[in-house]
Each structure stands twice: as structure tokens, then as C-alpha cells.
Amino acid sequence: MELSFEIIVLGLFLMSLLYSSVGHGGASGYLAILSLSIYANEGDLWLKQYAWALNIIVAGVAFLNYKKEGFHNFNLSWPFLITSIPFTLYASSLKLEGGNYDFLLSLFLIFAAWKLVKNKNIKKESEGNIPKIYLSLIIGGVIGLVCGLVGIGGGVLLSPILVIKGWAKPKTAAATSAVFIWFNSAAGILGSTVSNHLVSLDNIVPFAIAVLLGGYIGSKYGSESAQQNSIRYVLCAVLLIAASKRILEIF
């Protein structure tokens, strides 16, 4: 059953609303919605680049809202970006085949969600407990590779690591994820352009308007009103949604 255009737009709005509340761009959600529509016939490159383009809009709005509320820590963010961007550039020109990777990624997302719920009273939440630079560089590179291969911005992977390891509180993790997603989504589109795989984005305007509105509302709520624990639970839901999407694709 294919989704109608109106349902697609509504679905993209709701996904951006949910994901932006935790500083995410929503690529996993957008891929899920578009994969259930006629647009799935456009192929993997089309889906990835549309997801990245919508990511740029939502992650940009989310970052501005979280930064405005004082949750962004530049010293935490930049090492992850240094290695993730070139890896995303490289991997965005490659095509990932088979279901094994999707299955492993789904297991990781479910495990991360479980850890967040299990450690709901994490004691290590501290803005000053920034990871060693070499760790950030390694993690950034690995996630960047995943971003380019799968067509996501990487926030769904970076956020739980930051919180579980005690490197950032949930809202600081959201701000870091937002800027991380923005740059890696842009790198994904740039990599596709350089490799001559860029698709036409002529039909993106209604989708862009929907996610812009959802992204503004969601990130406004997440940065101003939501409690730290509430953000953690929403993040768990986001992780499980992303994992479910991957598992459904396998079967």
C-alpha cells in the first residue's frame, strides 16, 4: 500500500517534530515514510539525497534553537566533525547492498535505547566530562562512514554515545547532534555531486515546508520546555523507530 501525497507530507511533519525535539534531523524517519510511497521507486540515491536535504533544514533549525538556549558546547562538537565530514564525503558515493548491515545497525540502535532507559539516573552527566580528542576523532570517522553509506546525518548514533558515556547532558547532546547532522548531511549531498550521483530536487518544496514547520515546533519544545529526562525518553523512541525501519527493510 502506497501512501498518498497528503499522508506523506503529514508523516514528514510528524517525523521532523519528533526528531527535532532531541536535536535530530530525522533522516531515518524520512526514509521510512518515503520508502512506503511511490517515491521508493526512485531508488536509493534519490531517497538518501532527499533525506539529507530535509535533514539540513531541520537540523539547522534545531541547532539554532538549542544554541539560543545555551546548550551547544563547541569544544565537544568540533572533533567529531573533523573526521566525520571527509568520511561522509567518501562513503556518499558508495552503494551499500545486502541486509546484514541493516540488521547490525538495528541491533545497535535497540541496545542504545535499552542503555538509555536502564541508566535513566546517570550520575556522570557533566558538561565538563568531554572525551579525549582521539576518541572523538575515531567515533566521528566511523559514524561519518555510516552516514554516507546509509543516508543519515548520524545524530541517531552520536546522541546515545554522548549521553551514555556521560560526555553531555541530553540537551547538550541534542545541540551537538544537530550541528553534526547538518554538516554531514551537507557532506553527503556534496559527495553525491562530486561523484555525479546528484538527483533532481525539484519536488522537495512541499516536503521542505512540512519539515521546517515540524522542526521549528519540535526543537522549540525540546530546547525550552522539555525536561532532561523527557528528552532521554523521546530519544529512546527515536532510536526504536529507526531500528524498526531497518528491520522492516530486511524482511
Protein backbone atom coordinates (compact mmCIF):
# COMPACT_ATOMS: atom_id res chain seq x y z
CA MET A 1 0.00 0.00 0.00
CA GLU A 2 1.43 3.34 -1.06
CA LEU A 3 0.91 6.47 0.96
CA SER A 4 -0.97 9.38 -0.58
CA PHE A 5 0.81 12.71 -1.05
CA GLU A 6 -1.08 14.28 1.86
CA ILE A 7 -0.15 11.42 4.19
CA ILE A 8 3.48 11.70 3.10
CA VAL A 9 3.58 15.41 3.94
CA LEU A 10 1.87 14.81 7.29
CA GLY A 11 4.23 11.94 8.07
CA LEU A 12 7.29 14.07 7.29
CA PHE A 13 5.92 16.82 9.53
CA LEU A 14 5.41 14.41 12.44
CA MET A 15 8.84 12.84 11.98
CA SER A 16 10.55 16.22 11.96
CA LEU A 17 8.55 17.23 15.04
CA LEU A 18 9.69 14.15 16.98
CA TYR A 19 13.29 14.02 15.83
CA SER A 20 13.99 17.75 16.16
CA SER A 21 12.88 17.67 19.80
CA VAL A 22 16.09 15.73 20.50
CA GLY A 23 18.21 17.71 18.04
CA HIS A 24 18.00 15.20 15.19
CA GLY A 25 17.35 15.92 11.52
CA GLY A 26 15.03 12.93 11.07
CA ALA A 27 16.61 11.15 8.08
CA SER A 28 15.72 7.68 9.39
CA GLY A 29 12.09 8.76 9.71
CA TYR A 30 12.02 10.41 6.30
CA LEU A 31 13.49 7.31 4.68
CA ALA A 32 10.78 5.23 6.35
CA ILE A 33 7.97 7.48 5.10
CA LEU A 34 9.32 7.87 1.56
CA SER A 35 10.04 4.14 1.32
CA LEU A 36 6.31 3.47 1.83
CA SER A 37 5.36 5.79 -1.02
CA ILE A 38 5.65 5.85 -4.78
CA TYR A 39 8.95 7.67 -4.32
CA ALA A 40 10.55 4.40 -3.23
CA ASN A 41 10.70 3.58 -6.94
CA GLU A 42 13.16 6.43 -7.43
CA GLY A 43 15.94 4.33 -5.91
CA ASP A 44 18.42 4.52 -3.06
CA LEU A 45 20.32 7.58 -4.29
CA TRP A 46 17.11 9.60 -4.56
CA LEU A 47 15.95 8.59 -1.10
CA LYS A 48 19.32 9.32 0.52
CA GLN A 49 19.67 12.75 -1.02
CA TYR A 50 16.12 13.81 -0.20
CA ALA A 51 16.67 12.65 3.38
CA TRP A 52 19.90 14.64 3.58
CA ALA A 53 18.27 17.74 2.11
CA LEU A 54 15.42 17.61 4.65
CA ASN A 55 17.98 16.91 7.36
CA ILE A 56 19.79 20.15 6.58
CA ILE A 57 16.59 22.13 7.09
CA VAL A 58 15.53 20.50 10.35
CA ALA A 59 18.98 20.14 11.91
CA GLY A 60 19.71 23.79 11.11
CA VAL A 61 16.57 24.98 12.87
CA ALA A 62 17.15 22.61 15.80
CA PHE A 63 20.73 23.78 16.24
CA LEU A 64 19.70 27.45 16.29
CA ASN A 65 17.07 26.80 18.96
CA TYR A 66 19.34 24.71 21.17
CA LYS A 67 22.24 27.13 20.73
CA LYS A 68 19.98 30.06 21.60
CA GLU A 69 19.16 28.34 24.91
CA GLY A 70 22.87 27.90 25.64
CA PHE A 71 23.17 24.14 25.19
CA HIS A 72 25.88 24.00 22.49
CA ASN A 73 29.45 23.20 23.55
CA PHE A 74 31.84 23.92 20.67
CA ASN A 75 34.72 22.09 22.38
CA LEU A 76 32.60 18.94 22.44
CA SER A 77 31.41 19.18 18.83
CA TRP A 78 34.39 20.04 16.65
CA PRO A 79 36.49 16.84 17.00
CA PHE A 80 33.56 14.69 15.85
CA LEU A 81 33.15 16.90 12.79
CA ILE A 82 36.81 16.87 11.75
CA THR A 83 36.75 13.19 10.81
CA SER A 84 33.06 12.60 10.10
CA ILE A 85 32.84 15.08 7.20
CA PRO A 86 35.54 13.53 4.96
CA PHE A 87 34.30 10.00 5.69
CA THR A 88 30.75 11.02 4.78
CA LEU A 89 32.04 12.66 1.59
CA TYR A 90 33.77 9.44 0.61
CA ALA A 91 31.03 6.98 1.59
CA SER A 92 28.21 9.01 0.00
CA SER A 93 29.41 7.91 -3.44
CA LEU A 94 29.23 4.21 -2.48
CA LYS A 95 26.21 1.92 -2.60
CA LEU A 96 25.58 -0.40 0.35
CA GLU A 97 24.00 -3.74 -0.57
CA GLY A 98 22.55 -6.59 1.45
CA GLY A 99 20.64 -6.75 4.73
CA ASN A 100 23.42 -7.74 7.12
CA TYR A 101 24.47 -4.18 7.84
CA ASP A 102 20.87 -3.05 8.41
CA PHE A 103 20.43 -5.87 10.89
CA LEU A 104 23.60 -4.98 12.83
CA LEU A 105 22.69 -1.29 12.84
CA SER A 106 19.24 -2.14 14.17
CA LEU A 107 20.73 -4.18 17.00
CA PHE A 108 22.98 -1.26 17.93
CA LEU A 109 20.10 1.21 17.97
CA ILE A 110 17.98 -1.08 20.15
CA PHE A 111 20.92 -1.63 22.51
CA ALA A 112 21.49 2.14 22.76
CA ALA A 113 17.82 2.72 23.58
CA TRP A 114 17.93 0.00 26.24
CA LYS A 115 21.04 1.54 27.81
CA LEU A 116 19.40 4.95 27.95
CA VAL A 117 16.35 3.55 29.73
CA LYS A 118 18.40 1.37 32.06
CA ASN A 119 20.66 4.28 33.01
CA LYS A 120 17.89 6.84 33.49
CA ASN A 121 19.64 8.14 36.60
CA ILE A 122 23.07 8.52 35.03
CA LYS A 123 25.35 10.23 37.52
CA LYS A 124 28.04 11.19 35.06
CA GLU A 125 26.02 13.83 33.19
CA SER A 126 28.52 16.67 33.20
CA GLU A 127 29.29 19.37 30.71
CA GLY A 128 32.98 19.20 31.65
CA ASN A 129 33.50 15.48 31.05
CA ILE A 130 34.50 15.93 27.40
CA PRO A 131 36.02 12.84 25.72
CA LYS A 132 39.64 12.62 24.69
CA ILE A 133 40.14 14.14 21.25
CA TYR A 134 41.38 10.87 19.74
CA LEU A 135 38.17 9.13 20.84
CA SER A 136 36.02 11.83 19.28
CA LEU A 137 38.02 11.61 16.05
CA ILE A 138 37.58 7.83 15.85
CA ILE A 139 33.87 7.94 16.67
CA GLY A 140 33.29 10.79 14.25
CA GLY A 141 35.00 8.91 11.43
CA VAL A 142 33.05 5.70 12.00
CA ILE A 143 29.72 7.49 12.19
CA GLY A 144 30.61 9.57 9.12
CA LEU A 145 31.17 6.37 7.18
CA VAL A 146 27.72 5.14 8.23
CA CYS A 147 26.17 8.49 7.28
CA GLY A 148 27.48 8.27 3.74
CA LEU A 149 26.54 4.64 3.25
CA VAL A 150 23.05 4.69 4.73
CA GLY A 151 21.88 8.25 4.04
CA ILE A 152 21.51 9.62 7.56
CA GLY A 153 23.05 12.53 9.44
CA GLY A 154 24.45 10.45 12.28
CA GLY A 155 22.67 12.03 15.24
CA VAL A 156 20.80 8.82 15.97
CA LEU A 157 24.20 7.20 16.60
CA LEU A 158 26.06 10.10 18.23
CA SER A 159 23.42 11.20 20.76
CA PRO A 160 23.22 7.96 22.78
CA ILE A 161 27.01 7.70 22.87
CA LEU A 162 27.32 11.21 24.30
CA VAL A 163 24.69 10.59 26.98
CA ILE A 164 25.62 7.01 27.91
CA LYS A 165 29.30 7.87 28.25
CA GLY A 166 28.47 10.90 30.37
CA TRP A 167 30.08 13.31 27.91
CA ALA A 168 26.97 15.52 27.68
CA LYS A 169 23.54 16.02 29.18
CA PRO A 170 20.67 15.16 26.83
CA LYS A 171 20.09 18.74 25.69
CA THR A 172 23.79 19.38 25.11
CA ALA A 173 23.90 16.10 23.19
CA ALA A 174 20.95 17.36 21.13
CA ALA A 175 22.81 20.56 20.21
CA THR A 176 25.95 18.65 19.25
CA SER A 177 23.93 16.15 17.23
CA ALA A 178 22.16 18.94 15.36
CA VAL A 179 25.35 20.59 14.14
CA PHE A 180 26.87 17.15 13.44
CA ILE A 181 23.85 16.19 11.32
CA TRP A 182 23.86 19.47 9.41
CA PHE A 183 27.47 19.20 8.29
CA ASN A 184 27.33 15.50 7.47
CA SER A 185 24.10 15.84 5.51
CA ALA A 186 25.68 18.66 3.51
CA ALA A 187 28.76 16.48 3.02
CA GLY A 188 26.56 13.65 1.76
CA ILE A 189 24.97 15.86 -0.89
CA LEU A 190 28.36 17.30 -1.82
CA GLY A 191 29.83 13.82 -2.15
CA SER A 192 26.95 12.79 -4.40
CA THR A 193 27.53 15.89 -6.52
CA VAL A 194 31.26 15.26 -6.90
CA SER A 195 30.63 11.64 -7.90
CA ASN A 196 27.96 12.73 -10.43
CA HIS A 197 25.21 10.95 -8.49
CA LEU A 198 23.21 14.06 -7.62
CA VAL A 199 19.47 13.71 -8.28
CA SER A 200 16.93 16.40 -9.06
CA LEU A 201 15.34 18.01 -6.00
CA ASP A 202 12.54 19.69 -7.99
CA ASN A 203 9.71 18.19 -5.91
CA ILE A 204 11.14 18.93 -2.50
CA VAL A 205 9.35 22.25 -1.74
CA PRO A 206 6.20 20.83 -0.04
CA PHE A 207 8.34 18.37 1.90
CA ALA A 208 10.70 21.15 2.94
CA ILE A 209 7.85 23.32 4.22
CA ALA A 210 6.42 20.41 6.24
CA VAL A 211 9.72 19.55 7.96
CA LEU A 212 10.60 23.21 8.51
CA LEU A 213 7.39 23.72 10.45
CA GLY A 214 7.75 20.45 12.36
CA GLY A 215 11.42 21.08 13.04
CA TYR A 216 10.78 24.53 14.45
CA ILE A 217 7.99 23.38 16.78
CA GLY A 218 9.81 20.26 17.92
CA SER A 219 13.17 21.89 18.60
CA LYS A 220 11.49 24.85 20.29
CA TYR A 221 9.76 22.48 22.68
CA GLY A 222 12.85 20.34 23.20
CA SER A 223 15.19 23.25 23.90
CA GLU A 224 12.87 25.35 26.07
CA SER A 225 10.20 23.23 27.74
CA ALA A 226 11.14 19.56 27.85
CA GLN A 227 12.85 18.14 30.91
CA GLN A 228 16.23 16.40 30.52
CA ASN A 229 14.68 13.00 31.32
CA SER A 230 11.85 13.65 28.86
CA ILE A 231 14.40 14.28 26.13
CA ARG A 232 16.09 10.98 27.00
CA TYR A 233 12.85 9.03 26.66
CA VAL A 234 11.96 10.70 23.38
CA LEU A 235 15.44 9.82 22.16
CA CYS A 236 14.76 6.17 23.08
CA ALA A 237 11.59 6.28 20.99
CA VAL A 238 13.52 7.76 18.06
CA LEU A 239 16.14 5.01 18.28
CA LEU A 240 13.48 2.30 18.27
CA ILE A 241 11.68 3.89 15.31
CA ALA A 242 14.94 3.95 13.35
CA ALA A 243 15.71 0.33 14.29
CA SER A 244 12.21 -0.83 13.31
CA LYS A 245 12.56 0.83 9.94
CA ARG A 246 15.81 -1.01 9.24
CA ILE A 247 14.43 -4.38 10.33
CA LEU A 248 11.33 -3.97 8.15
CA GLU A 249 13.56 -3.26 5.15
CA ILE A 250 15.41 -6.55 5.67
CA PHE A 251 12.22 -8.59 5.55
